[in-house]
Amino acid sequence: MRRSLKFIHTVGTATLLGTLALQLVIAFRYNALLAGDDAVAAGARQVMVEVTRWVMGPSLVVVIVTGLLLMGLNRSFASAYWVWAKALIGLLLVKAVITVNDPVVHELMALVAQGIAGKEAALAELARLARMEWLGAWLSVGLCVAAVAFGVWRPTLEGKPKAASRASPADRPDDPDAVPSDAPAERLAR
């Protein structure tokens, strides 16, 4: 069960990072073209709205739910500082996506639908939204990378390593993938 949840959590995180990367590419490539009501830029914006609706939101939900389930299934996670740091990063990521990324994508599409060529107020709003989109996407990417780093690195807040932390990875009880050191040799060979 844990391995399946870890796999789903990892795929969800990769999907979320991919959608954020797509948002950055579209913002970099097409935001300047929106000022002239370019049909290609409007099409790219529509793609971003659909990706946000059908991929970014669901992948964020999958990442958060599987992360919480993994925390609940492994009792040793309750005392691990890196898990709580990762949970806090997850909450910040939800906040960033819900309050910055998603609304900005939809507002930009609404602005494009109105037509902004030659309208000073619309061009100023476009510039503001483009900056928000760019910064929000980079903030979300940074939070995702930080969450992945905490999951891989698993830092401790102790000054010196204890005897238990110097033990082999197979002897650590908090690692669900580890094989105990007293396991038969054929199990170790797998």
N, C-alpha and C. Protein backbone atom coordinates (compact mmCIF):
# COMPACT_ATOMS: atom_id res chain seq x y z
N MET A 1 0.82 -1.19 0.00
CA MET A 1 0.00 0.00 0.00
C MET A 1 0.87 1.27 0.00
N ARG A 2 1.91 1.25 0.87
CA ARG A 2 2.77 2.43 0.96
C ARG A 2 3.53 2.68 -0.33
N ARG A 3 4.01 1.61 -0.94
CA ARG A 3 4.76 1.78 -2.19
C ARG A 3 3.86 2.35 -3.28
N SER A 4 2.63 1.88 -3.35
CA SER A 4 1.69 2.41 -4.35
C SER A 4 1.42 3.88 -4.09
N LEU A 5 1.21 4.25 -2.83
CA LEU A 5 0.96 5.65 -2.49
C LEU A 5 2.18 6.51 -2.79
N LYS A 6 3.38 5.98 -2.49
CA LYS A 6 4.60 6.74 -2.80
C LYS A 6 4.74 6.96 -4.30
N PHE A 7 4.41 5.93 -5.08
CA PHE A 7 4.48 6.05 -6.54
C PHE A 7 3.48 7.09 -7.03
N ILE A 8 2.25 7.03 -6.56
CA ILE A 8 1.22 7.99 -6.97
C ILE A 8 1.63 9.40 -6.54
N HIS A 9 2.18 9.53 -5.34
CA HIS A 9 2.63 10.83 -4.83
C HIS A 9 3.74 11.40 -5.73
N THR A 10 4.66 10.56 -6.12
CA THR A 10 5.77 10.98 -6.97
C THR A 10 5.28 11.39 -8.36
N VAL A 11 4.39 10.59 -8.94
CA VAL A 11 3.84 10.92 -10.26
C VAL A 11 3.03 12.21 -10.19
N GLY A 12 2.25 12.39 -9.13
CA GLY A 12 1.49 13.63 -8.96
C GLY A 12 2.39 14.84 -8.85
N THR A 13 3.49 14.71 -8.12
CA THR A 13 4.44 15.82 -7.99
C THR A 13 5.09 16.13 -9.34
N ALA A 14 5.47 15.10 -10.07
CA ALA A 14 6.07 15.32 -11.39
C ALA A 14 5.07 15.98 -12.34
N THR A 15 3.82 15.58 -12.28
CA THR A 15 2.78 16.17 -13.12
C THR A 15 2.57 17.63 -12.76
N LEU A 16 2.54 17.92 -11.47
CA LEU A 16 2.38 19.30 -11.02
C LEU A 16 3.55 20.17 -11.48
N LEU A 17 4.76 19.65 -11.35
CA LEU A 17 5.93 20.40 -11.83
C LEU A 17 5.87 20.60 -13.34
N GLY A 18 5.40 19.60 -14.06
CA GLY A 18 5.27 19.73 -15.51
C GLY A 18 4.27 20.80 -15.91
N THR A 19 3.14 20.87 -15.22
CA THR A 19 2.15 21.89 -15.55
C THR A 19 2.67 23.28 -15.21
N LEU A 20 3.42 23.39 -14.12
CA LEU A 20 4.01 24.69 -13.78
C LEU A 20 5.07 25.09 -14.81
N ALA A 21 5.84 24.12 -15.28
CA ALA A 21 6.82 24.41 -16.33
C ALA A 21 6.12 24.85 -17.61
N LEU A 22 5.00 24.20 -17.95
CA LEU A 22 4.23 24.61 -19.12
C LEU A 22 3.71 26.04 -18.95
N GLN A 23 3.26 26.36 -17.76
CA GLN A 23 2.78 27.72 -17.50
C GLN A 23 3.90 28.73 -17.70
N LEU A 24 5.11 28.41 -17.23
CA LEU A 24 6.23 29.31 -17.43
C LEU A 24 6.58 29.47 -18.91
N VAL A 25 6.54 28.37 -19.66
CA VAL A 25 6.85 28.44 -21.10
C VAL A 25 5.82 29.29 -21.82
N ILE A 26 4.54 29.07 -21.54
CA ILE A 26 3.50 29.86 -22.20
C ILE A 26 3.62 31.33 -21.81
N ALA A 27 3.89 31.59 -20.53
CA ALA A 27 4.03 32.98 -20.08
C ALA A 27 5.23 33.64 -20.77
N PHE A 28 6.32 32.93 -20.89
CA PHE A 28 7.52 33.48 -21.51
C PHE A 28 7.32 33.72 -23.01
N ARG A 29 6.67 32.77 -23.64
CA ARG A 29 6.56 32.80 -25.11
C ARG A 29 5.42 33.67 -25.62
N TYR A 30 4.28 33.67 -24.94
CA TYR A 30 3.08 34.25 -25.54
C TYR A 30 2.52 35.49 -24.86
N ASN A 31 2.96 35.86 -23.65
CA ASN A 31 2.35 37.02 -22.99
C ASN A 31 2.57 38.31 -23.76
N ALA A 32 3.72 38.49 -24.38
CA ALA A 32 3.96 39.72 -25.15
C ALA A 32 3.06 39.79 -26.38
N LEU A 33 2.72 38.63 -26.93
CA LEU A 33 1.87 38.61 -28.12
C LEU A 33 0.41 38.94 -27.81
N LEU A 34 0.01 38.77 -26.55
CA LEU A 34 -1.38 39.03 -26.18
C LEU A 34 -1.76 40.49 -26.38
N ALA A 35 -0.79 41.39 -26.29
CA ALA A 35 -1.08 42.81 -26.42
C ALA A 35 -1.62 43.14 -27.81
N GLY A 36 -1.25 42.36 -28.79
CA GLY A 36 -1.73 42.61 -30.15
C GLY A 36 -2.89 41.73 -30.55
N ASP A 37 -3.53 41.06 -29.60
CA ASP A 37 -4.65 40.16 -29.87
C ASP A 37 -4.28 39.07 -30.87
N ASP A 38 -3.12 38.47 -30.68
CA ASP A 38 -2.66 37.40 -31.55
C ASP A 38 -3.49 36.14 -31.28
N ALA A 39 -4.02 35.52 -32.34
CA ALA A 39 -4.87 34.33 -32.20
C ALA A 39 -4.07 33.15 -31.65
N VAL A 40 -2.80 33.03 -32.03
CA VAL A 40 -1.96 31.93 -31.53
C VAL A 40 -1.76 32.07 -30.02
N ALA A 41 -1.50 33.30 -29.56
CA ALA A 41 -1.32 33.54 -28.14
C ALA A 41 -2.62 33.26 -27.39
N ALA A 42 -3.75 33.63 -27.97
CA ALA A 42 -5.04 33.34 -27.33
C ALA A 42 -5.28 31.84 -27.26
N GLY A 43 -4.88 31.11 -28.28
CA GLY A 43 -4.99 29.65 -28.27
C GLY A 43 -4.11 29.03 -27.20
N ALA A 44 -2.90 29.55 -27.05
CA ALA A 44 -2.01 29.06 -26.00
C ALA A 44 -2.59 29.33 -24.62
N ARG A 45 -3.21 30.49 -24.47
CA ARG A 45 -3.87 30.83 -23.20
C ARG A 45 -5.00 29.85 -22.90
N GLN A 46 -5.76 29.50 -23.95
CA GLN A 46 -6.86 28.55 -23.76
C GLN A 46 -6.33 27.18 -23.34
N VAL A 47 -5.21 26.77 -23.94
CA VAL A 47 -4.57 25.52 -23.54
C VAL A 47 -4.18 25.58 -22.06
N MET A 48 -3.63 26.71 -21.64
CA MET A 48 -3.21 26.84 -20.23
C MET A 48 -4.41 26.79 -19.29
N VAL A 49 -5.52 27.37 -19.70
CA VAL A 49 -6.74 27.30 -18.87
C VAL A 49 -7.19 25.85 -18.72
N GLU A 50 -7.18 25.11 -19.81
CA GLU A 50 -7.59 23.70 -19.76
C GLU A 50 -6.61 22.86 -18.95
N VAL A 51 -5.31 23.10 -19.11
CA VAL A 51 -4.31 22.36 -18.33
C VAL A 51 -4.47 22.66 -16.83
N THR A 52 -4.74 23.91 -16.52
CA THR A 52 -4.94 24.28 -15.11
C THR A 52 -6.16 23.57 -14.55
N ARG A 53 -7.22 23.55 -15.32
CA ARG A 53 -8.47 22.95 -14.85
C ARG A 53 -8.37 21.43 -14.73
N TRP A 54 -7.80 20.77 -15.72
CA TRP A 54 -7.87 19.31 -15.79
C TRP A 54 -6.60 18.60 -15.34
N VAL A 55 -5.48 19.32 -15.19
CA VAL A 55 -4.24 18.65 -14.80
C VAL A 55 -3.65 19.23 -13.52
N MET A 56 -3.44 20.55 -13.47
CA MET A 56 -2.79 21.15 -12.31
C MET A 56 -3.60 20.96 -11.03
N GLY A 57 -4.87 21.28 -11.06
CA GLY A 57 -5.71 21.14 -9.86
C GLY A 57 -5.79 19.70 -9.36
N PRO A 58 -6.16 18.75 -10.24
CA PRO A 58 -6.22 17.36 -9.78
C PRO A 58 -4.88 16.80 -9.30
N SER A 59 -3.79 17.17 -9.96
CA SER A 59 -2.49 16.66 -9.51
C SER A 59 -2.12 17.23 -8.15
N LEU A 60 -2.48 18.48 -7.90
CA LEU A 60 -2.24 19.06 -6.57
C LEU A 60 -3.04 18.32 -5.51
N VAL A 61 -4.28 18.00 -5.80
CA VAL A 61 -5.11 17.24 -4.85
C VAL A 61 -4.50 15.86 -4.59
N VAL A 62 -4.06 15.20 -5.66
CA VAL A 62 -3.45 13.87 -5.51
C VAL A 62 -2.20 13.94 -4.64
N VAL A 63 -1.36 14.94 -4.87
CA VAL A 63 -0.13 15.09 -4.09
C VAL A 63 -0.45 15.30 -2.61
N ILE A 64 -1.38 16.17 -2.31
CA ILE A 64 -1.71 16.47 -0.92
C ILE A 64 -2.36 15.26 -0.24
N VAL A 65 -3.32 14.62 -0.89
CA VAL A 65 -4.03 13.48 -0.28
C VAL A 65 -3.08 12.32 -0.06
N THR A 66 -2.28 11.98 -1.07
CA THR A 66 -1.35 10.85 -0.89
C THR A 66 -0.29 11.17 0.15
N GLY A 67 0.15 12.42 0.22
CA GLY A 67 1.12 12.80 1.25
C GLY A 67 0.54 12.64 2.65
N LEU A 68 -0.70 13.08 2.82
CA LEU A 68 -1.34 12.93 4.14
C LEU A 68 -1.59 11.46 4.48
N LEU A 69 -1.98 10.66 3.49
CA LEU A 69 -2.17 9.23 3.74
C LEU A 69 -0.85 8.56 4.13
N LEU A 70 0.22 8.93 3.45
CA LEU A 70 1.53 8.36 3.80
C LEU A 70 1.94 8.74 5.21
N MET A 71 1.64 9.98 5.60
CA MET A 71 1.94 10.40 6.98
C MET A 71 1.14 9.58 7.98
N GLY A 72 -0.11 9.29 7.65
CA GLY A 72 -0.96 8.52 8.55
C GLY A 72 -0.59 7.06 8.62
N LEU A 73 -0.10 6.50 7.53
CA LEU A 73 0.24 5.08 7.49
C LEU A 73 1.56 4.76 8.18
N ASN A 74 2.46 5.70 8.22
CA ASN A 74 3.77 5.46 8.81
C ASN A 74 3.89 6.28 10.09
N ARG A 75 3.75 5.63 11.22
CA ARG A 75 3.72 6.34 12.50
C ARG A 75 5.04 7.03 12.84
N SER A 76 6.14 6.54 12.29
CA SER A 76 7.43 7.17 12.59
C SER A 76 7.53 8.55 11.94
N PHE A 77 6.68 8.82 10.95
CA PHE A 77 6.68 10.13 10.32
C PHE A 77 6.20 11.22 11.26
N ALA A 78 5.42 10.86 12.26
CA ALA A 78 4.87 11.87 13.18
C ALA A 78 5.97 12.62 13.93
N SER A 79 7.10 11.97 14.15
CA SER A 79 8.19 12.61 14.89
C SER A 79 9.31 13.10 13.97
N ALA A 80 9.16 12.94 12.68
CA ALA A 80 10.21 13.37 11.75
C ALA A 80 9.97 14.83 11.35
N TYR A 81 10.97 15.67 11.62
CA TYR A 81 10.84 17.10 11.31
C TYR A 81 10.69 17.36 9.82
N TRP A 82 11.38 16.57 9.00
CA TRP A 82 11.33 16.81 7.57
C TRP A 82 9.93 16.57 7.01
N VAL A 83 9.17 15.65 7.64
CA VAL A 83 7.80 15.39 7.18
C VAL A 83 6.92 16.60 7.45
N TRP A 84 7.09 17.19 8.63
CA TRP A 84 6.29 18.37 8.98
C TRP A 84 6.70 19.58 8.13
N ALA A 85 7.99 19.68 7.81
CA ALA A 85 8.43 20.75 6.92
C ALA A 85 7.83 20.56 5.53
N LYS A 86 7.81 19.32 5.08
CA LYS A 86 7.24 19.01 3.78
C LYS A 86 5.73 19.28 3.77
N ALA A 87 5.04 18.97 4.87
CA ALA A 87 3.61 19.25 4.97
C ALA A 87 3.34 20.75 4.93
N LEU A 88 4.18 21.52 5.60
CA LEU A 88 4.04 22.98 5.58
C LEU A 88 4.27 23.53 4.17
N ILE A 89 5.26 22.99 3.49
CA ILE A 89 5.53 23.40 2.11
C ILE A 89 4.33 23.04 1.23
N GLY A 90 3.72 21.88 1.48
CA GLY A 90 2.53 21.48 0.73
C GLY A 90 1.38 22.46 0.93
N LEU A 91 1.19 22.92 2.16
CA LEU A 91 0.14 23.91 2.43
C LEU A 91 0.43 25.23 1.71
N LEU A 92 1.70 25.65 1.74
CA LEU A 92 2.07 26.87 1.02
C LEU A 92 1.87 26.71 -0.49
N LEU A 93 2.14 25.52 -0.99
CA LEU A 93 1.95 25.25 -2.41
C LEU A 93 0.47 25.32 -2.78
N VAL A 94 -0.38 24.75 -1.94
CA VAL A 94 -1.82 24.83 -2.18
C VAL A 94 -2.25 26.30 -2.21
N LYS A 95 -1.78 27.06 -1.24
CA LYS A 95 -2.11 28.49 -1.17
C LYS A 95 -1.65 29.21 -2.44
N ALA A 96 -0.43 28.93 -2.89
CA ALA A 96 0.10 29.60 -4.08
C ALA A 96 -0.70 29.24 -5.33
N VAL A 97 -1.03 27.97 -5.49
CA VAL A 97 -1.75 27.55 -6.69
C VAL A 97 -3.19 28.08 -6.67
N ILE A 98 -3.84 28.01 -5.52
CA ILE A 98 -5.24 28.41 -5.43
C ILE A 98 -5.41 29.92 -5.51
N THR A 99 -4.50 30.67 -4.90
CA THR A 99 -4.69 32.13 -4.85
C THR A 99 -3.91 32.90 -5.91
N VAL A 100 -2.90 32.28 -6.53
CA VAL A 100 -2.11 33.02 -7.52
C VAL A 100 -2.22 32.37 -8.90
N ASN A 101 -1.73 31.16 -9.03
CA ASN A 101 -1.61 30.54 -10.35
C ASN A 101 -2.95 30.38 -11.06
N ASP A 102 -3.89 29.71 -10.44
CA ASP A 102 -5.16 29.42 -11.08
C ASP A 102 -5.95 30.69 -11.42
N PRO A 103 -6.14 31.62 -10.49
CA PRO A 103 -6.91 32.82 -10.85
C PRO A 103 -6.24 33.67 -11.94
N VAL A 104 -4.92 33.76 -11.90
CA VAL A 104 -4.23 34.58 -12.91
C VAL A 104 -4.42 34.00 -14.30
N VAL A 105 -4.35 32.68 -14.42
CA VAL A 105 -4.55 32.04 -15.72
C VAL A 105 -5.94 32.36 -16.26
N HIS A 106 -6.93 32.27 -15.39
CA HIS A 106 -8.31 32.55 -15.83
C HIS A 106 -8.52 34.04 -16.12
N GLU A 107 -7.93 34.92 -15.33
CA GLU A 107 -8.06 36.36 -15.58
C GLU A 107 -7.39 36.75 -16.90
N LEU A 108 -6.23 36.17 -17.18
CA LEU A 108 -5.56 36.45 -18.46
C LEU A 108 -6.42 36.01 -19.64
N MET A 109 -7.05 34.84 -19.51
CA MET A 109 -7.91 34.37 -20.59
C MET A 109 -9.12 35.28 -20.76
N ALA A 110 -9.70 35.74 -19.66
CA ALA A 110 -10.84 36.66 -19.74
C ALA A 110 -10.42 37.98 -20.39
N LEU A 111 -9.22 38.44 -20.07
CA LEU A 111 -8.71 39.67 -20.66
C LEU A 111 -8.51 39.51 -22.16
N VAL A 112 -7.99 38.36 -22.56
CA VAL A 112 -7.79 38.08 -23.98
C VAL A 112 -9.14 38.02 -24.69
N ALA A 113 -10.13 37.40 -24.05
CA ALA A 113 -11.45 37.28 -24.66
C ALA A 113 -12.10 38.65 -24.89
N GLN A 114 -11.81 39.62 -24.01
CA GLN A 114 -12.36 40.97 -24.17
C GLN A 114 -11.72 41.71 -25.34
N GLY A 115 -10.50 41.37 -25.64
CA GLY A 115 -9.75 42.10 -26.66
C GLY A 115 -9.04 43.28 -26.02
N ILE A 116 -7.73 43.34 -26.18
CA ILE A 116 -6.97 44.37 -25.47
C ILE A 116 -6.16 45.27 -26.40
N ALA A 117 -6.25 45.06 -27.70
CA ALA A 117 -5.45 45.87 -28.62
C ALA A 117 -5.85 47.34 -28.53
N GLY A 118 -4.87 48.18 -28.24
CA GLY A 118 -5.09 49.61 -28.20
C GLY A 118 -5.73 50.14 -26.93
N LYS A 119 -6.02 49.31 -25.96
CA LYS A 119 -6.65 49.75 -24.72
C LYS A 119 -5.58 49.88 -23.64
N GLU A 120 -5.34 51.09 -23.18
CA GLU A 120 -4.27 51.35 -22.20
C GLU A 120 -4.51 50.63 -20.88
N ALA A 121 -5.72 50.70 -20.36
CA ALA A 121 -6.03 50.05 -19.07
C ALA A 121 -5.86 48.54 -19.17
N ALA A 122 -6.31 47.97 -20.29
CA ALA A 122 -6.18 46.52 -20.49
C ALA A 122 -4.72 46.11 -20.62
N LEU A 123 -3.92 46.94 -21.29
CA LEU A 123 -2.49 46.63 -21.43
C LEU A 123 -1.78 46.69 -20.08
N ALA A 124 -2.16 47.66 -19.24
CA ALA A 124 -1.57 47.75 -17.90
C ALA A 124 -1.97 46.55 -17.06
N GLU A 125 -3.22 46.12 -17.18
CA GLU A 125 -3.69 44.93 -16.45
C GLU A 125 -2.98 43.68 -16.96
N LEU A 126 -2.76 43.60 -18.26
CA LEU A 126 -2.03 42.48 -18.83
C LEU A 126 -0.62 42.40 -18.25
N ALA A 127 0.06 43.53 -18.17
CA ALA A 127 1.42 43.55 -17.62
C ALA A 127 1.42 43.10 -16.16
N ARG A 128 0.45 43.57 -15.39
CA ARG A 128 0.36 43.18 -13.97
C ARG A 128 0.09 41.68 -13.83
N LEU A 129 -0.86 41.17 -14.60
CA LEU A 129 -1.19 39.75 -14.53
C LEU A 129 -0.03 38.87 -15.02
N ALA A 130 0.67 39.33 -16.05
CA ALA A 130 1.81 38.57 -16.56
C ALA A 130 2.91 38.46 -15.50
N ARG A 131 3.17 39.56 -14.78
CA ARG A 131 4.15 39.52 -13.68
C ARG A 131 3.70 38.57 -12.58
N MET A 132 2.42 38.65 -12.22
CA MET A 132 1.88 37.76 -11.18
C MET A 132 1.98 36.30 -11.60
N GLU A 133 1.66 36.03 -12.87
CA GLU A 133 1.73 34.66 -13.35
C GLU A 133 3.16 34.13 -13.29
N TRP A 134 4.09 34.93 -13.76
CA TRP A 134 5.50 34.55 -13.79
C TRP A 134 6.02 34.29 -12.37
N LEU A 135 5.77 35.23 -11.47
CA LEU A 135 6.25 35.08 -10.09
C LEU A 135 5.54 33.93 -9.37
N GLY A 136 4.24 33.80 -9.59
CA GLY A 136 3.49 32.71 -8.95
C GLY A 136 3.96 31.34 -9.41
N ALA A 137 4.22 31.22 -10.70
CA ALA A 137 4.69 29.93 -11.22
C ALA A 137 6.08 29.61 -10.68
N TRP A 138 6.98 30.60 -10.64
CA TRP A 138 8.31 30.35 -10.08
C TRP A 138 8.25 30.03 -8.59
N LEU A 139 7.38 30.70 -7.86
CA LEU A 139 7.19 30.40 -6.44
C LEU A 139 6.72 28.97 -6.25
N SER A 140 5.75 28.56 -7.05
CA SER A 140 5.22 27.20 -6.95
C SER A 140 6.26 26.16 -7.35
N VAL A 141 7.03 26.45 -8.38
CA VAL A 141 8.12 25.52 -8.77
C VAL A 141 9.12 25.40 -7.62
N GLY A 142 9.49 26.53 -7.03
CA GLY A 142 10.43 26.49 -5.90
C GLY A 142 9.89 25.68 -4.74
N LEU A 143 8.61 25.83 -4.43
CA LEU A 143 8.01 25.05 -3.34
C LEU A 143 7.98 23.57 -3.67
N CYS A 144 7.67 23.23 -4.92
CA CYS A 144 7.68 21.81 -5.33
C CYS A 144 9.08 21.21 -5.20
N VAL A 145 10.06 21.95 -5.67
CA VAL A 145 11.45 21.45 -5.59
C VAL A 145 11.87 21.31 -4.13
N ALA A 146 11.48 22.25 -3.28
CA ALA A 146 11.81 22.16 -1.86
C ALA A 146 11.14 20.94 -1.23
N ALA A 147 9.89 20.66 -1.59
CA ALA A 147 9.20 19.49 -1.06
C ALA A 147 9.88 18.20 -1.51
N VAL A 148 10.29 18.15 -2.77
CA VAL A 148 11.00 16.97 -3.27
C VAL A 148 12.34 16.83 -2.55
N ALA A 149 13.03 17.94 -2.34
CA ALA A 149 14.32 17.89 -1.65
C ALA A 149 14.16 17.35 -0.23
N PHE A 150 13.15 17.81 0.48
CA PHE A 150 12.92 17.29 1.83
C PHE A 150 12.57 15.81 1.81
N GLY A 151 11.82 15.37 0.80
CA GLY A 151 11.47 13.96 0.70
C GLY A 151 12.65 13.07 0.37
N VAL A 152 13.59 13.58 -0.41
CA VAL A 152 14.76 12.79 -0.79
C VAL A 152 15.86 12.89 0.26
N TRP A 153 16.13 14.10 0.70
CA TRP A 153 17.24 14.35 1.62
C TRP A 153 16.93 13.90 3.03
N ARG A 154 15.71 14.11 3.51
CA ARG A 154 15.26 13.75 4.85
C ARG A 154 16.23 14.24 5.93
N PRO A 155 16.39 15.55 6.05
CA PRO A 155 17.37 16.08 7.01
C PRO A 155 16.91 15.90 8.46
N THR A 156 17.87 15.89 9.36
CA THR A 156 17.58 15.86 10.78
C THR A 156 18.00 17.20 11.38
N LEU A 157 17.43 17.54 12.51
CA LEU A 157 17.76 18.80 13.16
C LEU A 157 18.72 18.60 14.32
N GLU A 158 19.37 17.45 14.36
CA GLU A 158 20.29 17.16 15.44
C GLU A 158 21.69 17.62 15.09
N GLY A 159 22.47 17.98 16.10
CA GLY A 159 23.83 18.44 15.87
C GLY A 159 24.76 17.32 15.45
N LYS A 160 24.83 16.25 16.25
CA LYS A 160 25.69 15.12 15.94
C LYS A 160 24.82 13.91 15.63
N PRO A 161 25.28 13.07 14.72
CA PRO A 161 24.49 11.87 14.44
C PRO A 161 24.53 10.92 15.63
N LYS A 162 23.39 10.33 15.92
CA LYS A 162 23.30 9.35 17.00
C LYS A 162 23.72 7.99 16.47
N ALA A 163 23.90 7.06 17.37
CA ALA A 163 24.31 5.72 16.98
C ALA A 163 23.28 5.09 16.05
N ALA A 164 22.00 5.33 16.27
CA ALA A 164 20.96 4.75 15.42
C ALA A 164 21.00 5.32 14.02
N SER A 165 21.37 6.59 13.89
CA SER A 165 21.40 7.17 12.55
C SER A 165 22.63 6.74 11.76
N ARG A 166 23.64 6.20 12.47
CA ARG A 166 24.82 5.68 11.77
C ARG A 166 24.62 4.24 11.34
N ALA A 167 23.50 3.67 11.72
CA ALA A 167 23.22 2.29 11.34
C ALA A 167 22.99 2.22 9.84
N SER A 168 23.05 1.03 9.31
CA SER A 168 22.84 0.87 7.87
C SER A 168 21.40 1.24 7.53
N PRO A 169 21.17 1.63 6.28
CA PRO A 169 19.81 2.01 5.88
C PRO A 169 18.80 0.88 6.11
N ALA A 170 19.25 -0.35 6.05
CA ALA A 170 18.34 -1.47 6.24
C ALA A 170 17.88 -1.59 7.69
N ASP A 171 18.63 -1.03 8.64
CA ASP A 171 18.28 -1.15 10.05
C ASP A 171 17.41 0.00 10.53
N ARG A 172 17.13 0.98 9.68
CA ARG A 172 16.31 2.11 10.11
C ARG A 172 14.83 1.74 10.03
N PRO A 173 14.08 1.88 11.12
CA PRO A 173 12.67 1.51 11.09
C PRO A 173 11.80 2.49 10.33
N ASP A 174 12.27 3.71 10.09
CA ASP A 174 11.43 4.71 9.42
C ASP A 174 11.46 4.59 7.91
N ASP A 175 12.27 3.68 7.36
CA ASP A 175 12.36 3.52 5.92
C ASP A 175 11.53 2.30 5.51
N PRO A 176 10.35 2.51 4.90
CA PRO A 176 9.49 1.38 4.56
C PRO A 176 10.05 0.50 3.46
N ASP A 177 11.03 0.99 2.70
CA ASP A 177 11.59 0.19 1.62
C ASP A 177 12.82 -0.61 2.03
N ALA A 178 13.27 -0.41 3.25
CA ALA A 178 14.49 -1.08 3.70
C ALA A 178 14.22 -2.55 4.01
N VAL A 179 15.24 -3.36 3.76
CA VAL A 179 15.17 -4.77 4.09
C VAL A 179 15.95 -4.96 5.39
N PRO A 180 15.38 -5.59 6.43
CA PRO A 180 16.11 -5.76 7.69
C PRO A 180 17.41 -6.51 7.48
N SER A 181 18.40 -6.17 8.31
CA SER A 181 19.73 -6.80 8.15
C SER A 181 19.72 -8.27 8.52
N ASP A 182 18.72 -8.74 9.27
CA ASP A 182 18.66 -10.16 9.63
C ASP A 182 17.80 -10.96 8.64
N ALA A 183 17.49 -10.38 7.48
CA ALA A 183 16.68 -11.05 6.48
C ALA A 183 17.50 -12.13 5.78
N PRO A 184 16.85 -13.14 5.30
CA PRO A 184 17.57 -14.21 4.59
C PRO A 184 18.30 -13.64 3.36
N ALA A 185 19.37 -14.34 2.97
CA ALA A 185 20.22 -13.86 1.89
C ALA A 185 19.46 -13.79 0.57
N GLU A 186 18.50 -14.70 0.33
CA GLU A 186 17.79 -14.66 -0.94
C GLU A 186 16.90 -13.44 -1.04
N ARG A 187 16.42 -12.94 0.09
CA ARG A 187 15.62 -11.72 0.05
C ARG A 187 16.49 -10.50 -0.22
N LEU A 188 17.71 -10.54 0.26
CA LEU A 188 18.63 -9.44 0.02
C LEU A 188 19.09 -9.40 -1.43
N ALA A 189 19.10 -10.55 -2.07
CA ALA A 189 19.56 -10.63 -3.45
C ALA A 189 18.58 -10.01 -4.43
N ARG A 190 17.33 -9.86 -4.04
CA ARG A 190 16.30 -9.31 -4.95
C ARG A 190 16.57 -7.92 -5.32
